[in-house]
Amino acid sequence: MAAIFARMNETGDEVGRHKVRRGMENVKTALRLRASRGLSEAEAEAVAAILDEAAGKIERVGA
């Protein structure tokens, strides 16, 4: 993520930064809301797998 923000800072892409931050806040809110209801072991593993997959895709953006 740091590399993506650094690249956006170099190009002055304020709109891009806003979109990425909005997406990050959406994920954070969804995780908090879901976790507040409690997670089983299987649900926690499923959420972790989704986040791991998303992280991998993000790392490959623009590669």
PDB file of N, CA and C in Angstrom:
ATOM      1  N   MET A   1       0.814  -1.182   0.000  1.00  0.00           N
ATOM      2  CA  MET A   1       0.000   0.000   0.000  1.00  0.00           C
ATOM      3  C   MET A   1       0.868   1.261   0.000  1.00  0.00           C
ATOM      4  N   ALA A   2       1.945   1.220   0.739  1.00  0.00           N
ATOM      5  CA  ALA A   2       2.813   2.393   0.806  1.00  0.00           C
ATOM      6  C   ALA A   2       3.317   2.766  -0.581  1.00  0.00           C
ATOM      7  N   ALA A   3       3.652   1.773  -1.377  1.00  0.00           N
ATOM      8  CA  ALA A   3       4.148   2.040  -2.727  1.00  0.00           C
ATOM      9  C   ALA A   3       3.061   2.673  -3.593  1.00  0.00           C
ATOM     10  N   ILE A   4       1.839   2.220  -3.436  1.00  0.00           N
ATOM     11  CA  ILE A   4       0.738   2.781  -4.214  1.00  0.00           C
ATOM     12  C   ILE A   4       0.534   4.244  -3.841  1.00  0.00           C
ATOM     13  N   PHE A   5       0.512   4.536  -2.523  1.00  0.00           N
ATOM     14  CA  PHE A   5       0.330   5.920  -2.094  1.00  0.00           C
ATOM     15  C   PHE A   5       1.513   6.787  -2.520  1.00  0.00           C
ATOM     16  N   ALA A   6       2.715   6.235  -2.453  1.00  0.00           N
ATOM     17  CA  ALA A   6       3.895   6.999  -2.881  1.00  0.00           C
ATOM     18  C   ALA A   6       3.783   7.360  -4.353  1.00  0.00           C
ATOM     19  N   ARG A   7       3.348   6.400  -5.179  1.00  0.00           N
ATOM     20  CA  ARG A   7       3.186   6.647  -6.609  1.00  0.00           C
ATOM     21  C   ARG A   7       2.109   7.704  -6.866  1.00  0.00           C
ATOM     22  N   MET A   8       1.013   7.634  -6.092  1.00  0.00           N
ATOM     23  CA  MET A   8      -0.049   8.619  -6.255  1.00  0.00           C
ATOM     24  C   MET A   8       0.424  10.000  -5.820  1.00  0.00           C
ATOM     25  N   ASN A   9       1.245  10.057  -4.778  1.00  0.00           N
ATOM     26  CA  ASN A   9       1.785  11.343  -4.336  1.00  0.00           C
ATOM     27  C   ASN A   9       2.670  11.957  -5.408  1.00  0.00           C
ATOM     28  N   GLU A  10       3.442  11.119  -6.094  1.00  0.00           N
ATOM     29  CA  GLU A  10       4.322  11.608  -7.152  1.00  0.00           C
ATOM     30  C   GLU A  10       3.534  12.207  -8.306  1.00  0.00           C
ATOM     31  N   THR A  11       2.412  11.592  -8.623  1.00  0.00           N
ATOM     32  CA  THR A  11       1.616  12.053  -9.758  1.00  0.00           C
ATOM     33  C   THR A  11       0.584  13.087  -9.356  1.00  0.00           C
ATOM     34  N   GLY A  12       0.418  13.304  -8.044  1.00  0.00           N
ATOM     35  CA  GLY A  12      -0.574  14.263  -7.577  1.00  0.00           C
ATOM     36  C   GLY A  12      -1.994  13.796  -7.810  1.00  0.00           C
ATOM     37  N   ASP A  13      -2.218  12.502  -7.794  1.00  0.00           N
ATOM     38  CA  ASP A  13      -3.527  11.922  -8.077  1.00  0.00           C
ATOM     39  C   ASP A  13      -4.417  11.949  -6.833  1.00  0.00           C
ATOM     40  N   GLU A  14      -4.996  13.115  -6.558  1.00  0.00           N
ATOM     41  CA  GLU A  14      -5.863  13.286  -5.384  1.00  0.00           C
ATOM     42  C   GLU A  14      -7.110  12.402  -5.479  1.00  0.00           C
ATOM     43  N   VAL A  15      -7.683  12.297  -6.672  1.00  0.00           N
ATOM     44  CA  VAL A  15      -8.877  11.473  -6.858  1.00  0.00           C
ATOM     45  C   VAL A  15      -8.558  10.012  -6.571  1.00  0.00           C
ATOM     46  N   GLY A  16      -7.421   9.536  -7.064  1.00  0.00           N
ATOM     47  CA  GLY A  16      -7.024   8.149  -6.823  1.00  0.00           C
ATOM     48  C   GLY A  16      -6.812   7.872  -5.351  1.00  0.00           C
ATOM     49  N   ARG A  17      -6.143   8.789  -4.653  1.00  0.00           N
ATOM     50  CA  ARG A  17      -5.929   8.629  -3.212  1.00  0.00           C
ATOM     51  C   ARG A  17      -7.257   8.544  -2.480  1.00  0.00           C
ATOM     52  N   HIS A  18      -8.190   9.401  -2.860  1.00  0.00           N
ATOM     53  CA  HIS A  18      -9.504   9.414  -2.219  1.00  0.00           C
ATOM     54  C   HIS A  18     -10.215   8.078  -2.418  1.00  0.00           C
ATOM     55  N   LYS A  19     -10.165   7.555  -3.628  1.00  0.00           N
ATOM     56  CA  LYS A  19     -10.840   6.289  -3.919  1.00  0.00           C
ATOM     57  C   LYS A  19     -10.236   5.139  -3.118  1.00  0.00           C
ATOM     58  N   VAL A  20      -8.908   5.103  -3.038  1.00  0.00           N
ATOM     59  CA  VAL A  20      -8.240   4.033  -2.292  1.00  0.00           C
ATOM     60  C   VAL A  20      -8.567   4.159  -0.806  1.00  0.00           C
ATOM     61  N   ARG A  21      -8.486   5.354  -0.266  1.00  0.00           N
ATOM     62  CA  ARG A  21      -8.806   5.547   1.162  1.00  0.00           C
ATOM     63  C   ARG A  21     -10.255   5.184   1.461  1.00  0.00           C
ATOM     64  N   ARG A  22     -11.176   5.537   0.564  1.00  0.00           N
ATOM     65  CA  ARG A  22     -12.576   5.170   0.745  1.00  0.00           C
ATOM     66  C   ARG A  22     -12.733   3.662   0.799  1.00  0.00           C
ATOM     67  N   GLY A  23     -12.061   2.985  -0.115  1.00  0.00           N
ATOM     68  CA  GLY A  23     -12.120   1.524  -0.125  1.00  0.00           C
ATOM     69  C   GLY A  23     -11.554   0.917   1.144  1.00  0.00           C
ATOM     70  N   MET A  24     -10.439   1.482   1.619  1.00  0.00           N
ATOM     71  CA  MET A  24      -9.827   0.989   2.860  1.00  0.00           C
ATOM     72  C   MET A  24     -10.775   1.197   4.039  1.00  0.00           C
ATOM     73  N   GLU A  25     -11.430   2.346   4.096  1.00  0.00           N
ATOM     74  CA  GLU A  25     -12.369   2.620   5.185  1.00  0.00           C
ATOM     75  C   GLU A  25     -13.573   1.685   5.109  1.00  0.00           C
ATOM     76  N   ASN A  26     -14.036   1.376   3.892  1.00  0.00           N
ATOM     77  CA  ASN A  26     -15.145   0.433   3.734  1.00  0.00           C
ATOM     78  C   ASN A  26     -14.781  -0.937   4.287  1.00  0.00           C
ATOM     79  N   VAL A  27     -13.573  -1.400   3.989  1.00  0.00           N
ATOM     80  CA  VAL A  27     -13.123  -2.701   4.495  1.00  0.00           C
ATOM     81  C   VAL A  27     -13.017  -2.665   6.015  1.00  0.00           C
ATOM     82  N   LYS A  28     -12.425  -1.606   6.544  1.00  0.00           N
ATOM     83  CA  LYS A  28     -12.262  -1.484   7.996  1.00  0.00           C
ATOM     84  C   LYS A  28     -13.623  -1.507   8.701  1.00  0.00           C
ATOM     85  N   THR A  29     -14.590  -0.759   8.157  1.00  0.00           N
ATOM     86  CA  THR A  29     -15.923  -0.718   8.756  1.00  0.00           C
ATOM     87  C   THR A  29     -16.604  -2.081   8.686  1.00  0.00           C
ATOM     88  N   ALA A  30     -16.509  -2.734   7.539  1.00  0.00           N
ATOM     89  CA  ALA A  30     -17.117  -4.054   7.390  1.00  0.00           C
ATOM     90  C   ALA A  30     -16.514  -5.056   8.366  1.00  0.00           C
ATOM     91  N   LEU A  31     -15.194  -5.000   8.538  1.00  0.00           N
ATOM     92  CA  LEU A  31     -14.537  -5.908   9.478  1.00  0.00           C
ATOM     93  C   LEU A  31     -14.979  -5.645  10.909  1.00  0.00           C
ATOM     94  N   ARG A  32     -15.054  -4.384  11.288  1.00  0.00           N
ATOM     95  CA  ARG A  32     -15.484  -4.051  12.655  1.00  0.00           C
ATOM     96  C   ARG A  32     -16.918  -4.496  12.904  1.00  0.00           C
ATOM     97  N   LEU A  33     -17.809  -4.213  11.947  1.00  0.00           N
ATOM     98  CA  LEU A  33     -19.205  -4.603  12.119  1.00  0.00           C
ATOM     99  C   LEU A  33     -19.347  -6.122  12.202  1.00  0.00           C
ATOM    100  N   ARG A  34     -18.643  -6.815  11.321  1.00  0.00           N
ATOM    101  CA  ARG A  34     -18.738  -8.277  11.315  1.00  0.00           C
ATOM    102  C   ARG A  34     -18.123  -8.875  12.571  1.00  0.00           C
ATOM    103  N   ALA A  35     -16.985  -8.360  12.989  1.00  0.00           N
ATOM    104  CA  ALA A  35     -16.308  -8.883  14.180  1.00  0.00           C
ATOM    105  C   ALA A  35     -17.114  -8.602  15.446  1.00  0.00           C
ATOM    106  N   SER A  36     -17.879  -7.514  15.464  1.00  0.00           N
ATOM    107  CA  SER A  36     -18.669  -7.188  16.657  1.00  0.00           C
ATOM    108  C   SER A  36     -19.752  -8.224  16.920  1.00  0.00           C
ATOM    109  N   ARG A  37     -20.144  -8.959  15.897  1.00  0.00           N
ATOM    110  CA  ARG A  37     -21.131 -10.043  16.057  1.00  0.00           C
ATOM    111  C   ARG A  37     -20.469 -11.351  16.441  1.00  0.00           C
ATOM    112  N   GLY A  38     -19.149 -11.366  16.424  1.00  0.00           N
ATOM    113  CA  GLY A  38     -18.414 -12.594  16.727  1.00  0.00           C
ATOM    114  C   GLY A  38     -18.154 -13.395  15.470  1.00  0.00           C
ATOM    115  N   LEU A  39     -17.018 -14.083  15.471  1.00  0.00           N
ATOM    116  CA  LEU A  39     -16.629 -14.914  14.329  1.00  0.00           C
ATOM    117  C   LEU A  39     -16.265 -16.303  14.822  1.00  0.00           C
ATOM    118  N   SER A  40     -16.771 -17.294  14.139  1.00  0.00           N
ATOM    119  CA  SER A  40     -16.333 -18.662  14.421  1.00  0.00           C
ATOM    120  C   SER A  40     -14.931 -18.841  13.835  1.00  0.00           C
ATOM    121  N   GLU A  41     -14.302 -19.933  14.161  1.00  0.00           N
ATOM    122  CA  GLU A  41     -12.979 -20.220  13.601  1.00  0.00           C
ATOM    123  C   GLU A  41     -13.043 -20.279  12.076  1.00  0.00           C
ATOM    124  N   ALA A  42     -14.063 -20.936  11.553  1.00  0.00           N
ATOM    125  CA  ALA A  42     -14.205 -21.054  10.093  1.00  0.00           C
ATOM    126  C   ALA A  42     -14.456 -19.693   9.454  1.00  0.00           C
ATOM    127  N   GLU A  43     -15.271 -18.865  10.090  1.00  0.00           N
ATOM    128  CA  GLU A  43     -15.534 -17.535   9.548  1.00  0.00           C
ATOM    129  C   GLU A  43     -14.279 -16.666   9.579  1.00  0.00           C
ATOM    130  N   ALA A  44     -13.531 -16.745  10.665  1.00  0.00           N
ATOM    131  CA  ALA A  44     -12.282 -15.984  10.766  1.00  0.00           C
ATOM    132  C   ALA A  44     -11.306 -16.417   9.677  1.00  0.00           C
ATOM    133  N   GLU A  45     -11.224 -17.714   9.424  1.00  0.00           N
ATOM    134  CA  GLU A  45     -10.346 -18.217   8.365  1.00  0.00           C
ATOM    135  C   GLU A  45     -10.810 -17.724   6.999  1.00  0.00           C
ATOM    136  N   ALA A  46     -12.122 -17.692   6.777  1.00  0.00           N
ATOM    137  CA  ALA A  46     -12.659 -17.224   5.497  1.00  0.00           C
ATOM    138  C   ALA A  46     -12.352 -15.743   5.295  1.00  0.00           C
ATOM    139  N   VAL A  47     -12.536 -14.934   6.339  1.00  0.00           N
ATOM    140  CA  VAL A  47     -12.236 -13.507   6.242  1.00  0.00           C
ATOM    141  C   VAL A  47     -10.747 -13.304   5.970  1.00  0.00           C
ATOM    142  N   ALA A  48      -9.904 -14.034   6.692  1.00  0.00           N
ATOM    143  CA  ALA A  48      -8.453 -13.916   6.487  1.00  0.00           C
ATOM    144  C   ALA A  48      -8.076 -14.297   5.055  1.00  0.00           C
ATOM    145  N   ALA A  49      -8.693 -15.331   4.511  1.00  0.00           N
ATOM    146  CA  ALA A  49      -8.395 -15.753   3.138  1.00  0.00           C
ATOM    147  C   ALA A  49      -8.804 -14.668   2.136  1.00  0.00           C
ATOM    148  N   ILE A  50      -9.948 -14.048   2.374  1.00  0.00           N
ATOM    149  CA  ILE A  50     -10.407 -12.962   1.490  1.00  0.00           C
ATOM    150  C   ILE A  50      -9.421 -11.804   1.526  1.00  0.00           C
ATOM    151  N   LEU A  51      -8.984 -11.431   2.733  1.00  0.00           N
ATOM    152  CA  LEU A  51      -8.036 -10.329   2.872  1.00  0.00           C
ATOM    153  C   LEU A  51      -6.692 -10.665   2.246  1.00  0.00           C
ATOM    154  N   ASP A  52      -6.226 -11.899   2.431  1.00  0.00           N
ATOM    155  CA  ASP A  52      -4.964 -12.328   1.819  1.00  0.00           C
ATOM    156  C   ASP A  52      -5.041 -12.261   0.303  1.00  0.00           C
ATOM    157  N   GLU A  53      -6.168 -12.708  -0.252  1.00  0.00           N
ATOM    158  CA  GLU A  53      -6.346 -12.673  -1.708  1.00  0.00           C
ATOM    159  C   GLU A  53      -6.361 -11.227  -2.206  1.00  0.00           C
ATOM    160  N   ALA A  54      -7.082 -10.362  -1.497  1.00  0.00           N
ATOM    161  CA  ALA A  54      -7.144  -8.952  -1.885  1.00  0.00           C
ATOM    162  C   ALA A  54      -5.749  -8.317  -1.821  1.00  0.00           C
ATOM    163  N   ALA A  55      -4.993  -8.627  -0.776  1.00  0.00           N
ATOM    164  CA  ALA A  55      -3.637  -8.071  -0.638  1.00  0.00           C
ATOM    165  C   ALA A  55      -2.767  -8.496  -1.814  1.00  0.00           C
ATOM    166  N   GLY A  56      -2.861  -9.746  -2.199  1.00  0.00           N
ATOM    167  CA  GLY A  56      -2.080 -10.224  -3.342  1.00  0.00           C
ATOM    168  C   GLY A  56      -2.449  -9.505  -4.628  1.00  0.00           C
ATOM    169  N   LYS A  57      -3.750  -9.294  -4.831  1.00  0.00           N
ATOM    170  CA  LYS A  57      -4.209  -8.585  -6.035  1.00  0.00           C
ATOM    171  C   LYS A  57      -3.735  -7.135  -6.017  1.00  0.00           C
ATOM    172  N   ILE A  58      -3.781  -6.505  -4.856  1.00  0.00           N
ATOM    173  CA  ILE A  58      -3.342  -5.114  -4.731  1.00  0.00           C
ATOM    174  C   ILE A  58      -1.857  -5.005  -5.044  1.00  0.00           C
ATOM    175  N   GLU A  59      -1.073  -5.945  -4.559  1.00  0.00           N
ATOM    176  CA  GLU A  59       0.376  -5.931  -4.811  1.00  0.00           C
ATOM    177  C   GLU A  59       0.691  -6.025  -6.293  1.00  0.00           C
ATOM    178  N   ARG A  60      -0.186  -6.689  -7.062  1.00  0.00           N
ATOM    179  CA  ARG A  60       0.055  -6.881  -8.492  1.00  0.00           C
ATOM    180  C   ARG A  60      -0.505  -5.753  -9.359  1.00  0.00           C
ATOM    181  N   VAL A  61      -1.235  -4.811  -8.770  1.00  0.00           N
ATOM    182  CA  VAL A  61      -1.794  -3.700  -9.556  1.00  0.00           C
ATOM    183  C   VAL A  61      -0.649  -2.914 -10.189  1.00  0.00           C
ATOM    184  N   GLY A  62      -0.731  -2.752 -11.478  1.00  0.00           N
ATOM    185  CA  GLY A  62       0.280  -1.980 -12.193  1.00  0.00           C
ATOM    186  C   GLY A  62       1.604  -2.695 -12.399  1.00  0.00           C
ATOM    187  N   ALA A  63       1.659  -3.957 -11.986  1.00  0.00           N
ATOM    188  CA  ALA A  63       2.932  -4.701 -12.126  1.00  0.00           C
ATOM    189  C   ALA A  63       3.064  -5.265 -13.521  1.00  0.00           C
TER     190      ALA A  63
END
